[in-house]
Each structure stands twice: as C-alpha cells, then as structure tokens.
C-alpha atoms as a PDB file:
ATOM      1  CA  UNK A   1     -14.885   6.716  25.952  1.00  0.00           C
ATOM      2  CA  UNK A   2     -15.332   2.662  26.117  1.00  0.00           C
ATOM      3  CA  UNK A   3     -16.132   1.576  22.458  1.00  0.00           C
ATOM      4  CA  UNK A   4     -17.171  -2.182  22.016  1.00  0.00           C
ATOM      5  CA  UNK A   5     -15.503  -5.038  20.605  1.00  0.00           C
ATOM      6  CA  UNK A   6     -17.785  -4.797  17.012  1.00  0.00           C
ATOM      7  CA  UNK A   7     -19.416  -8.100  15.821  1.00  0.00           C
ATOM      8  CA  UNK A   8     -18.344  -9.292  12.784  1.00  0.00           C
ATOM      9  CA  UNK A   9     -19.312  -6.680   9.861  1.00  0.00           C
ATOM     10  CA  UNK A  10     -18.897  -8.076   5.791  1.00  0.00           C
ATOM     11  CA  UNK A  11     -16.529  -6.125   3.585  1.00  0.00           C
ATOM     12  CA  UNK A  12     -15.531  -6.587   0.384  1.00  0.00           C
ATOM     13  CA  UNK A  13     -13.742  -5.130  -2.444  1.00  0.00           C
ATOM     14  CA  UNK A  14     -15.082  -5.423  -6.581  1.00  0.00           C
ATOM     15  CA  UNK A  15     -12.861  -4.525  -9.353  1.00  0.00           C
ATOM     16  CA  UNK A  16     -15.489  -2.767 -12.083  1.00  0.00           C
ATOM     17  CA  UNK A  17     -14.031  -1.078 -15.576  1.00  0.00           C
ATOM     18  CA  UNK A  18     -15.820   2.138 -16.220  1.00  0.00           C
ATOM     19  CA  UNK A  19     -16.770   2.747 -19.409  1.00  0.00           C
ATOM     20  CA  UNK A  20     -13.171   5.038 -20.719  1.00  0.00           C
ATOM     21  CA  UNK A  21     -11.978   1.553 -19.218  1.00  0.00           C
ATOM     22  CA  UNK A  22      -9.967   2.917 -16.154  1.00  0.00           C
ATOM     23  CA  UNK A  23     -10.703   0.589 -13.480  1.00  0.00           C
ATOM     24  CA  UNK A  24     -12.372   1.854 -10.557  1.00  0.00           C
ATOM     25  CA  UNK A  25     -12.384  -0.111  -7.816  1.00  0.00           C
ATOM     26  CA  UNK A  26     -15.414  -0.340  -5.648  1.00  0.00           C
ATOM     27  CA  UNK A  27     -16.133  -2.078  -1.389  1.00  0.00           C
ATOM     28  CA  UNK A  28     -19.155  -2.879   0.158  1.00  0.00           C
ATOM     29  CA  UNK A  29     -19.452  -2.926   3.984  1.00  0.00           C
ATOM     30  CA  UNK A  30     -23.583  -4.108   5.907  1.00  0.00           C
ATOM     31  CA  UNK A  31     -23.422  -2.510   8.916  1.00  0.00           C
ATOM     32  CA  UNK A  32     -27.467  -2.927   9.021  1.00  0.00           C
ATOM     33  CA  UNK A  33     -26.584  -5.292  12.676  1.00  0.00           C
ATOM     34  CA  UNK A  34     -24.582  -2.715  14.530  1.00  0.00           C
ATOM     35  CA  UNK A  35     -26.234   0.386  16.407  1.00  0.00           C
ATOM     36  CA  UNK A  36     -25.331   3.746  14.822  1.00  0.00           C
ATOM     37  CA  UNK A  37     -22.400   4.241  17.461  1.00  0.00           C
ATOM     38  CA  UNK A  38     -20.785   1.257  16.309  1.00  0.00           C
ATOM     39  CA  UNK A  39     -21.352   1.479  12.639  1.00  0.00           C
ATOM     40  CA  UNK A  40     -19.925   5.070  12.930  1.00  0.00           C
ATOM     41  CA  UNK A  41     -16.710   3.771  14.598  1.00  0.00           C
ATOM     42  CA  UNK A  42     -16.412   0.732  12.480  1.00  0.00           C
ATOM     43  CA  UNK A  43     -16.934   3.147   9.486  1.00  0.00           C
ATOM     44  CA  UNK A  44     -14.624   5.723  10.152  1.00  0.00           C
ATOM     45  CA  UNK A  45     -12.014   2.897  10.730  1.00  0.00           C
ATOM     46  CA  UNK A  46     -12.983   1.165   7.753  1.00  0.00           C
ATOM     47  CA  UNK A  47     -12.621   4.665   5.710  1.00  0.00           C
ATOM     48  CA  UNK A  48      -9.327   5.051   7.374  1.00  0.00           C
ATOM     49  CA  UNK A  49      -7.855   1.751   5.982  1.00  0.00           C
ATOM     50  CA  UNK A  50      -8.859   1.806   2.640  1.00  0.00           C
ATOM     51  CA  UNK A  51      -6.759   2.257  -0.057  1.00  0.00           C
ATOM     52  CA  UNK A  52      -5.951   5.089  -2.618  1.00  0.00           C
ATOM     53  CA  UNK A  53      -7.168   3.132  -5.202  1.00  0.00           C
ATOM     54  CA  UNK A  54     -10.541   2.736  -3.722  1.00  0.00           C
ATOM     55  CA  UNK A  55     -12.698   5.363  -5.347  1.00  0.00           C
ATOM     56  CA  UNK A  56     -16.079   4.006  -4.010  1.00  0.00           C
ATOM     57  CA  UNK A  57     -17.560   2.411  -0.834  1.00  0.00           C
ATOM     58  CA  UNK A  58     -21.559   0.657  -0.656  1.00  0.00           C
ATOM     59  CA  UNK A  59     -23.444   1.544   2.367  1.00  0.00           C
ATOM     60  CA  UNK A  60     -25.542  -1.079   3.080  1.00  0.00           C
ATOM     61  CA  UNK A  61     -26.935   0.287   6.335  1.00  0.00           C
ATOM     62  CA  UNK A  62     -31.561  -1.576   6.076  1.00  0.00           C
ATOM     63  CA  UNK A  63     -34.481  -0.016   5.824  1.00  0.00           C
ATOM     64  CA  UNK A  64     -37.012  -1.930   7.780  1.00  0.00           C
ATOM     65  CA  UNK A  65     -35.764  -1.377  10.994  1.00  0.00           C
ATOM     66  CA  UNK A  66     -35.392   2.679  11.133  1.00  0.00           C
ATOM     67  CA  UNK A  67     -33.697   5.710   9.943  1.00  0.00           C
ATOM     68  CA  UNK A  68     -31.212   5.729  12.450  1.00  0.00           C
ATOM     69  CA  UNK A  69     -28.492   3.981  10.537  1.00  0.00           C
ATOM     70  CA  UNK A  70     -29.471   5.719   7.322  1.00  0.00           C
ATOM     71  CA  UNK A  71     -29.918   9.272   9.203  1.00  0.00           C
ATOM     72  CA  UNK A  72     -25.871   8.557  10.562  1.00  0.00           C
ATOM     73  CA  UNK A  73     -24.495   7.748   6.910  1.00  0.00           C
ATOM     74  CA  UNK A  74     -25.988  10.461   5.313  1.00  0.00           C
ATOM     75  CA  UNK A  75     -26.321  13.479   8.127  1.00  0.00           C
ATOM     76  CA  UNK A  76     -23.326  12.570  10.800  1.00  0.00           C
ATOM     77  CA  UNK A  77     -20.792  11.129   8.919  1.00  0.00           C
ATOM     78  CA  UNK A  78     -18.439  12.690   8.230  1.00  0.00           C
ATOM     79  CA  UNK A  79     -14.752  12.242   7.420  1.00  0.00           C
ATOM     80  CA  UNK A  80     -12.083  13.400   5.084  1.00  0.00           C
ATOM     81  CA  UNK A  81     -12.126  10.901   2.326  1.00  0.00           C
ATOM     82  CA  UNK A  82     -15.866  10.751   1.325  1.00  0.00           C
ATOM     83  CA  UNK A  83     -16.572  13.523  -1.496  1.00  0.00           C
ATOM     84  CA  UNK A  84     -20.157  13.075  -1.683  1.00  0.00           C
ATOM     85  CA  UNK A  85     -23.041  10.523  -0.186  1.00  0.00           C
ATOM     86  CA  UNK A  86     -25.796   8.895  -3.652  1.00  0.00           C
ATOM     87  CA  UNK A  87     -28.763   7.683  -2.301  1.00  0.00           C
ATOM     88  CA  UNK A  88     -29.094   4.475  -4.514  1.00  0.00           C
ATOM     89  CA  UNK A  89     -33.544   3.327  -5.539  1.00  0.00           C
ATOM     90  CA  UNK A  90     -32.959   1.424  -2.526  1.00  0.00           C
ATOM     91  CA  UNK A  91     -33.377   2.774   0.656  1.00  0.00           C
ATOM     92  CA  UNK A  92     -31.169   0.004   2.594  1.00  0.00           C
ATOM     93  CA  UNK A  93     -28.257   1.728   0.894  1.00  0.00           C
ATOM     94  CA  UNK A  94     -26.157   4.245   0.677  1.00  0.00           C
ATOM     95  CA  UNK A  95     -22.934   5.160  -1.400  1.00  0.00           C
ATOM     96  CA  UNK A  96     -19.804   7.394  -0.310  1.00  0.00           C
ATOM     97  CA  UNK A  97     -17.758   8.620  -3.509  1.00  0.00           C
ATOM     98  CA  UNK A  98     -13.878   9.266  -1.944  1.00  0.00           C
ATOM     99  CA  UNK A  99     -11.618  11.396  -2.733  1.00  0.00           C
END
C-alpha cells in the first residue's frame, strides 16, 4: 500500500503538574485537515515516536465536517500504547490515555 506524503500536522508537547506533584507529560496533535486514512497512519507513526514519559495525547479531529475522523480515533484506532479513549466536552477532541 502506497502512503502519500502527509501534510504537516500540528504537534505540541506540554508539561502539566498533577495534584500529587508528579510531573505528567501531555501532547497534542491536530489531524482535522487530513483524511481518515492519512490521519490513522499519522497517529500510528506519532504514537510510535512518543517517549514513555508521554501519558496523554489530545487529538484534535474537528466536528463540523462529519464524524469520519472522530469515529476513526474513537473506534478503529488500535495501538499497543493506547490504554483508553476519553471523549471530552469539546466534540472535536478525543483524549488518548497511554500506557
């Protein structure tokens, strides 16, 4: 299968302090401009590249152009690092909790 070169997705890393004072690393990736196939490939590669200190990834998939990206992230995206999926109050975002 030939995978096209993907347009750059926005990726950010953030440091957040939990209430127990332990340092937790979070990351954010914006995939709302990609097709479902491109986004799945990009997310799998992105999750493979993350270090073990990253425990949470906020995936911005958007909501105004339909549910294809949301459904791909919440229902079809499988990866060994994903522990759980969390739907947020923002319908265009899903949190991936990592192992």
